[in-house]
Amino acid sequence: MKIISSQEHQTVESPTVITLANDADPRTLDLNGITRIDLQFPKFTDGRAYSQAFLLRRRLGFAGELRATGDVLIDQLVQMQRTGFDAAVLREGVDASAAQRQFNRFAGFYQGSAVNTQPPFAKAA
């Protein structure tokens, strides 16, 4: 997962980039030509963007970049990656160097994810 500091992130005005409010239904979008979708976390306790990311990846087959924006903390990053996010913009004041430690803490999972749907134990040897 690509980690982006709040200073590095820029909102882009482009027909290929969509910013989706966390109460919008992704099934209503025309995804033709879209390369990036910014999903918003207005508060870290509001997890609707996780559902949007999972829906975009698994049901709608979106293959472009899903970027988490808003109130993003490092303890959310592993779950974001598992639900389909490619990139996360950390909220201001969060240390980006600590983010990689979150991924190093969890070497594997028993369940499949939005991207790797088959669990590790079900893969052919």
N, C-alpha and C. Protein backbone atom coordinates (compact mmCIF):
# COMPACT_ATOMS: atom_id res chain seq x y z
N MET A 1 0.85 -1.18 0.00
CA MET A 1 0.00 0.00 0.00
C MET A 1 0.89 1.24 0.00
N LYS A 2 0.54 2.18 -0.82
CA LYS A 2 1.28 3.43 -0.89
C LYS A 2 0.79 4.37 0.22
N ILE A 3 1.72 4.89 1.00
CA ILE A 3 1.39 5.81 2.08
C ILE A 3 1.75 7.22 1.63
N ILE A 4 0.81 8.14 1.74
CA ILE A 4 0.99 9.51 1.30
C ILE A 4 0.76 10.44 2.48
N SER A 5 1.68 11.37 2.69
CA SER A 5 1.48 12.35 3.77
C SER A 5 0.44 13.37 3.33
N SER A 6 -0.16 14.04 4.29
CA SER A 6 -1.18 15.04 3.96
C SER A 6 -0.61 16.17 3.11
N GLN A 7 0.69 16.46 3.26
CA GLN A 7 1.32 17.52 2.47
C GLN A 7 1.51 17.09 1.02
N GLU A 8 1.72 15.80 0.78
CA GLU A 8 1.96 15.29 -0.57
C GLU A 8 0.68 15.14 -1.39
N HIS A 9 -0.44 14.94 -0.72
CA HIS A 9 -1.70 14.68 -1.42
C HIS A 9 -2.25 15.96 -2.04
N GLN A 10 -2.68 15.82 -3.28
CA GLN A 10 -3.32 16.93 -3.97
C GLN A 10 -4.63 16.45 -4.55
N THR A 11 -5.67 17.23 -4.35
CA THR A 11 -6.95 16.93 -4.97
C THR A 11 -6.82 17.29 -6.44
N VAL A 12 -7.19 16.38 -7.30
CA VAL A 12 -7.02 16.56 -8.74
C VAL A 12 -8.37 16.81 -9.40
N GLU A 13 -8.43 17.85 -10.21
CA GLU A 13 -9.61 18.10 -11.03
C GLU A 13 -9.36 17.44 -12.37
N SER A 14 -9.92 16.27 -12.56
CA SER A 14 -9.69 15.51 -13.78
C SER A 14 -10.89 14.62 -14.05
N PRO A 15 -11.21 14.39 -15.32
CA PRO A 15 -12.32 13.48 -15.62
C PRO A 15 -12.01 12.02 -15.30
N THR A 16 -10.74 11.71 -15.00
CA THR A 16 -10.37 10.33 -14.69
C THR A 16 -10.26 10.07 -13.19
N VAL A 17 -10.47 11.11 -12.36
CA VAL A 17 -10.37 10.98 -10.91
C VAL A 17 -11.70 11.41 -10.29
N ILE A 18 -12.22 10.57 -9.40
CA ILE A 18 -13.49 10.85 -8.72
C ILE A 18 -13.23 10.93 -7.23
N THR A 19 -13.84 11.90 -6.57
CA THR A 19 -13.88 11.94 -5.11
C THR A 19 -15.29 11.55 -4.71
N LEU A 20 -15.41 10.47 -3.96
CA LEU A 20 -16.71 9.92 -3.61
C LEU A 20 -17.00 10.13 -2.13
N ALA A 21 -18.09 10.78 -1.83
CA ALA A 21 -18.51 10.97 -0.44
C ALA A 21 -18.84 9.60 0.15
N ASN A 22 -18.66 9.45 1.45
CA ASN A 22 -18.83 8.12 2.06
C ASN A 22 -20.29 7.69 2.17
N ASP A 23 -21.23 8.55 1.83
CA ASP A 23 -22.63 8.15 1.83
C ASP A 23 -23.17 7.93 0.41
N ALA A 24 -22.29 7.98 -0.59
CA ALA A 24 -22.70 7.77 -1.99
C ALA A 24 -22.66 6.28 -2.33
N ASP A 25 -23.50 5.88 -3.25
CA ASP A 25 -23.56 4.49 -3.69
C ASP A 25 -22.65 4.31 -4.90
N PRO A 26 -21.57 3.53 -4.78
CA PRO A 26 -20.65 3.33 -5.91
C PRO A 26 -21.30 2.64 -7.11
N ARG A 27 -22.39 1.93 -6.89
CA ARG A 27 -23.06 1.23 -7.99
C ARG A 27 -23.68 2.18 -8.99
N THR A 28 -23.82 3.46 -8.63
CA THR A 28 -24.42 4.44 -9.53
C THR A 28 -23.37 5.11 -10.42
N LEU A 29 -22.09 4.80 -10.22
CA LEU A 29 -21.02 5.45 -10.98
C LEU A 29 -20.81 4.81 -12.34
N ASP A 30 -20.42 5.65 -13.30
CA ASP A 30 -19.92 5.16 -14.57
C ASP A 30 -18.41 5.10 -14.44
N LEU A 31 -17.84 3.92 -14.36
CA LEU A 31 -16.41 3.75 -14.09
C LEU A 31 -15.55 3.71 -15.35
N ASN A 32 -16.15 3.88 -16.52
CA ASN A 32 -15.38 3.89 -17.76
C ASN A 32 -14.42 5.07 -17.78
N GLY A 33 -13.13 4.76 -17.94
CA GLY A 33 -12.11 5.80 -18.02
C GLY A 33 -11.63 6.33 -16.68
N ILE A 34 -12.18 5.85 -15.57
CA ILE A 34 -11.77 6.32 -14.25
C ILE A 34 -10.52 5.57 -13.82
N THR A 35 -9.49 6.30 -13.41
CA THR A 35 -8.22 5.69 -13.00
C THR A 35 -8.01 5.74 -11.49
N ARG A 36 -8.70 6.67 -10.80
CA ARG A 36 -8.53 6.80 -9.35
C ARG A 36 -9.82 7.25 -8.72
N ILE A 37 -10.14 6.65 -7.57
CA ILE A 37 -11.29 7.08 -6.77
C ILE A 37 -10.80 7.37 -5.38
N ASP A 38 -11.04 8.59 -4.90
CA ASP A 38 -10.71 8.99 -3.54
C ASP A 38 -11.94 8.75 -2.67
N LEU A 39 -11.79 7.86 -1.69
CA LEU A 39 -12.87 7.56 -0.75
C LEU A 39 -12.59 8.27 0.56
N GLN A 40 -13.61 8.84 1.15
CA GLN A 40 -13.42 9.73 2.30
C GLN A 40 -13.78 9.07 3.63
N PHE A 41 -12.92 9.33 4.61
CA PHE A 41 -13.17 8.98 6.00
C PHE A 41 -13.31 10.31 6.76
N PRO A 42 -14.53 10.82 6.93
CA PRO A 42 -14.69 12.11 7.62
C PRO A 42 -14.25 12.05 9.08
N LYS A 43 -14.44 10.87 9.71
CA LYS A 43 -13.96 10.60 11.07
C LYS A 43 -13.43 9.17 11.06
N PHE A 44 -12.42 8.91 11.87
CA PHE A 44 -11.86 7.55 11.86
C PHE A 44 -12.87 6.51 12.32
N THR A 45 -13.92 6.93 13.02
CA THR A 45 -14.95 6.00 13.49
C THR A 45 -16.02 5.71 12.43
N ASP A 46 -15.97 6.38 11.30
CA ASP A 46 -16.95 6.19 10.23
C ASP A 46 -16.33 5.29 9.17
N GLY A 47 -16.74 4.04 9.12
CA GLY A 47 -16.11 3.06 8.25
C GLY A 47 -16.84 2.76 6.95
N ARG A 48 -17.74 3.62 6.52
CA ARG A 48 -18.48 3.33 5.29
C ARG A 48 -17.59 3.24 4.06
N ALA A 49 -16.46 3.92 4.06
CA ALA A 49 -15.56 3.86 2.90
C ALA A 49 -14.95 2.46 2.75
N TYR A 50 -14.83 1.70 3.83
CA TYR A 50 -14.38 0.30 3.72
C TYR A 50 -15.36 -0.49 2.85
N SER A 51 -16.64 -0.30 3.11
CA SER A 51 -17.67 -1.01 2.33
C SER A 51 -17.66 -0.56 0.88
N GLN A 52 -17.46 0.73 0.65
CA GLN A 52 -17.38 1.23 -0.72
C GLN A 52 -16.20 0.60 -1.46
N ALA A 53 -15.05 0.54 -0.79
CA ALA A 53 -13.85 -0.04 -1.42
C ALA A 53 -14.08 -1.51 -1.76
N PHE A 54 -14.64 -2.26 -0.83
CA PHE A 54 -14.90 -3.68 -1.07
C PHE A 54 -15.87 -3.85 -2.24
N LEU A 55 -16.91 -3.06 -2.27
CA LEU A 55 -17.90 -3.11 -3.35
C LEU A 55 -17.27 -2.77 -4.69
N LEU A 56 -16.45 -1.73 -4.72
CA LEU A 56 -15.79 -1.34 -5.97
C LEU A 56 -14.86 -2.44 -6.48
N ARG A 57 -14.12 -3.07 -5.60
CA ARG A 57 -13.18 -4.12 -6.02
C ARG A 57 -13.88 -5.42 -6.40
N ARG A 58 -14.72 -5.93 -5.50
CA ARG A 58 -15.26 -7.28 -5.68
C ARG A 58 -16.46 -7.33 -6.62
N ARG A 59 -17.39 -6.44 -6.45
CA ARG A 59 -18.61 -6.53 -7.25
C ARG A 59 -18.55 -5.75 -8.54
N LEU A 60 -17.88 -4.60 -8.51
CA LEU A 60 -17.84 -3.75 -9.70
C LEU A 60 -16.57 -3.93 -10.50
N GLY A 61 -15.59 -4.65 -9.98
CA GLY A 61 -14.37 -4.96 -10.71
C GLY A 61 -13.48 -3.77 -11.01
N PHE A 62 -13.54 -2.75 -10.19
CA PHE A 62 -12.70 -1.57 -10.42
C PHE A 62 -11.23 -1.94 -10.21
N ALA A 63 -10.39 -1.67 -11.20
CA ALA A 63 -8.98 -2.04 -11.14
C ALA A 63 -8.06 -0.84 -10.95
N GLY A 64 -8.60 0.36 -10.92
CA GLY A 64 -7.78 1.56 -10.73
C GLY A 64 -7.39 1.75 -9.28
N GLU A 65 -6.84 2.92 -8.98
CA GLU A 65 -6.38 3.22 -7.62
C GLU A 65 -7.55 3.62 -6.73
N LEU A 66 -7.61 3.02 -5.55
CA LEU A 66 -8.54 3.44 -4.50
C LEU A 66 -7.70 4.11 -3.42
N ARG A 67 -8.01 5.36 -3.14
CA ARG A 67 -7.20 6.14 -2.20
C ARG A 67 -8.07 6.56 -1.01
N ALA A 68 -7.60 6.25 0.19
CA ALA A 68 -8.29 6.66 1.42
C ALA A 68 -7.85 8.07 1.79
N THR A 69 -8.82 8.93 2.03
CA THR A 69 -8.52 10.32 2.40
C THR A 69 -9.33 10.68 3.65
N GLY A 70 -8.93 11.75 4.30
CA GLY A 70 -9.66 12.24 5.46
C GLY A 70 -8.95 11.91 6.76
N ASP A 71 -9.71 11.43 7.73
CA ASP A 71 -9.20 11.14 9.06
C ASP A 71 -8.62 9.72 9.09
N VAL A 72 -7.47 9.54 8.42
CA VAL A 72 -6.84 8.23 8.27
C VAL A 72 -5.69 8.10 9.27
N LEU A 73 -5.77 7.06 10.10
CA LEU A 73 -4.75 6.78 11.10
C LEU A 73 -4.00 5.50 10.72
N ILE A 74 -2.81 5.32 11.26
CA ILE A 74 -2.00 4.16 10.87
C ILE A 74 -2.61 2.83 11.32
N ASP A 75 -3.38 2.81 12.39
CA ASP A 75 -3.95 1.54 12.83
C ASP A 75 -5.08 1.05 11.92
N GLN A 76 -5.50 1.87 10.96
CA GLN A 76 -6.53 1.47 9.99
C GLN A 76 -5.94 0.90 8.70
N LEU A 77 -4.65 1.06 8.49
CA LEU A 77 -4.05 0.77 7.19
C LEU A 77 -4.16 -0.69 6.76
N VAL A 78 -3.96 -1.62 7.67
CA VAL A 78 -4.02 -3.04 7.30
C VAL A 78 -5.43 -3.38 6.83
N GLN A 79 -6.44 -2.94 7.55
CA GLN A 79 -7.82 -3.21 7.14
C GLN A 79 -8.15 -2.52 5.82
N MET A 80 -7.61 -1.33 5.62
CA MET A 80 -7.83 -0.65 4.34
C MET A 80 -7.26 -1.46 3.19
N GLN A 81 -6.07 -1.96 3.36
CA GLN A 81 -5.45 -2.76 2.31
C GLN A 81 -6.26 -4.02 2.03
N ARG A 82 -6.76 -4.66 3.07
CA ARG A 82 -7.53 -5.89 2.91
C ARG A 82 -8.89 -5.66 2.26
N THR A 83 -9.43 -4.45 2.36
CA THR A 83 -10.72 -4.17 1.72
C THR A 83 -10.56 -3.59 0.33
N GLY A 84 -9.32 -3.38 -0.13
CA GLY A 84 -9.12 -2.99 -1.52
C GLY A 84 -8.42 -1.68 -1.78
N PHE A 85 -8.06 -0.94 -0.75
CA PHE A 85 -7.36 0.33 -0.97
C PHE A 85 -5.94 0.09 -1.46
N ASP A 86 -5.47 0.97 -2.36
CA ASP A 86 -4.10 0.94 -2.88
C ASP A 86 -3.22 1.97 -2.19
N ALA A 87 -3.83 3.07 -1.75
CA ALA A 87 -3.08 4.20 -1.20
C ALA A 87 -3.89 4.83 -0.08
N ALA A 88 -3.18 5.44 0.85
CA ALA A 88 -3.83 6.13 1.97
C ALA A 88 -3.11 7.44 2.23
N VAL A 89 -3.90 8.48 2.42
CA VAL A 89 -3.37 9.80 2.77
C VAL A 89 -3.53 9.94 4.27
N LEU A 90 -2.42 9.95 5.00
CA LEU A 90 -2.49 10.05 6.46
C LEU A 90 -2.93 11.44 6.87
N ARG A 91 -3.69 11.49 7.94
CA ARG A 91 -4.14 12.80 8.42
C ARG A 91 -2.93 13.57 8.92
N GLU A 92 -3.04 14.87 8.92
CA GLU A 92 -1.94 15.73 9.31
C GLU A 92 -1.49 15.41 10.73
N GLY A 93 -0.17 15.35 10.91
CA GLY A 93 0.40 15.07 12.22
C GLY A 93 0.69 13.61 12.47
N VAL A 94 0.29 12.72 11.56
CA VAL A 94 0.55 11.29 11.72
C VAL A 94 1.88 10.97 11.04
N ASP A 95 2.74 10.25 11.74
CA ASP A 95 4.07 9.91 11.25
C ASP A 95 4.01 8.80 10.21
N ALA A 96 4.35 9.14 8.97
CA ALA A 96 4.29 8.17 7.87
C ALA A 96 5.31 7.04 8.05
N SER A 97 6.42 7.29 8.72
CA SER A 97 7.42 6.24 8.90
C SER A 97 6.91 5.13 9.81
N ALA A 98 5.96 5.41 10.66
CA ALA A 98 5.39 4.40 11.54
C ALA A 98 4.38 3.51 10.81
N ALA A 99 3.94 3.94 9.65
CA ALA A 99 2.92 3.19 8.93
C ALA A 99 3.42 1.82 8.49
N GLN A 100 4.62 1.72 8.00
CA GLN A 100 5.14 0.43 7.53
C GLN A 100 5.22 -0.59 8.66
N ARG A 101 5.44 -0.15 9.87
CA ARG A 101 5.48 -1.07 11.01
C ARG A 101 4.14 -1.80 11.18
N GLN A 102 3.04 -1.15 10.83
CA GLN A 102 1.73 -1.80 10.92
C GLN A 102 1.68 -3.03 10.02
N PHE A 103 2.20 -2.91 8.81
CA PHE A 103 2.18 -4.04 7.88
C PHE A 103 3.13 -5.14 8.32
N ASN A 104 4.24 -4.77 8.92
CA ASN A 104 5.21 -5.75 9.39
C ASN A 104 4.68 -6.56 10.57
N ARG A 105 3.73 -6.03 11.30
CA ARG A 105 3.17 -6.71 12.47
C ARG A 105 2.30 -7.90 12.10
N PHE A 106 1.71 -7.86 10.91
CA PHE A 106 0.76 -8.89 10.49
C PHE A 106 1.29 -9.55 9.21
N ALA A 107 1.95 -10.68 9.37
CA ALA A 107 2.59 -11.34 8.23
C ALA A 107 1.60 -12.08 7.34
N GLY A 108 0.47 -12.50 7.88
CA GLY A 108 -0.49 -13.26 7.09
C GLY A 108 -1.85 -13.30 7.74
N PHE A 109 -2.83 -13.79 6.99
CA PHE A 109 -4.20 -13.86 7.47
C PHE A 109 -4.81 -15.19 7.06
N TYR A 110 -5.72 -15.71 7.84
CA TYR A 110 -6.41 -16.94 7.49
C TYR A 110 -7.49 -16.70 6.43
N GLN A 111 -8.11 -15.52 6.46
CA GLN A 111 -9.18 -15.20 5.53
C GLN A 111 -8.64 -14.61 4.23
N GLY A 112 -9.45 -14.72 3.18
CA GLY A 112 -9.15 -14.01 1.94
C GLY A 112 -9.46 -12.53 2.13
N SER A 113 -9.12 -11.73 1.14
CA SER A 113 -9.40 -10.30 1.22
C SER A 113 -10.13 -9.87 -0.05
N ALA A 114 -10.38 -8.58 -0.19
CA ALA A 114 -11.05 -8.06 -1.38
C ALA A 114 -10.21 -8.28 -2.62
N VAL A 115 -8.90 -8.27 -2.47
CA VAL A 115 -8.00 -8.41 -3.60
C VAL A 115 -7.60 -9.87 -3.81
N ASN A 116 -7.19 -10.54 -2.75
CA ASN A 116 -6.83 -11.97 -2.80
C ASN A 116 -7.95 -12.75 -2.13
N THR A 117 -8.92 -13.15 -2.92
CA THR A 117 -10.15 -13.72 -2.35
C THR A 117 -9.98 -15.11 -1.77
N GLN A 118 -9.01 -15.84 -2.23
CA GLN A 118 -8.81 -17.22 -1.75
C GLN A 118 -7.91 -17.21 -0.51
N PRO A 119 -8.33 -17.88 0.57
CA PRO A 119 -7.46 -17.94 1.74
C PRO A 119 -6.20 -18.74 1.45
N PRO A 120 -5.11 -18.46 2.17
CA PRO A 120 -3.83 -19.14 1.89
C PRO A 120 -3.92 -20.66 1.99
N PHE A 121 -4.72 -21.20 2.91
CA PHE A 121 -4.78 -22.65 3.07
C PHE A 121 -5.54 -23.33 1.93
N ALA A 122 -6.27 -22.58 1.12
CA ALA A 122 -7.03 -23.17 0.02
C ALA A 122 -6.26 -23.17 -1.29
N LYS A 123 -5.10 -22.55 -1.31
CA LYS A 123 -4.28 -22.49 -2.52
C LYS A 123 -3.60 -23.84 -2.74
N ALA A 124 -3.46 -24.21 -3.98
CA ALA A 124 -2.79 -25.47 -4.33
C ALA A 124 -1.33 -25.42 -3.94
N ALA A 125 -0.84 -26.52 -3.44
CA ALA A 125 0.56 -26.59 -3.03
C ALA A 125 1.49 -26.78 -4.21
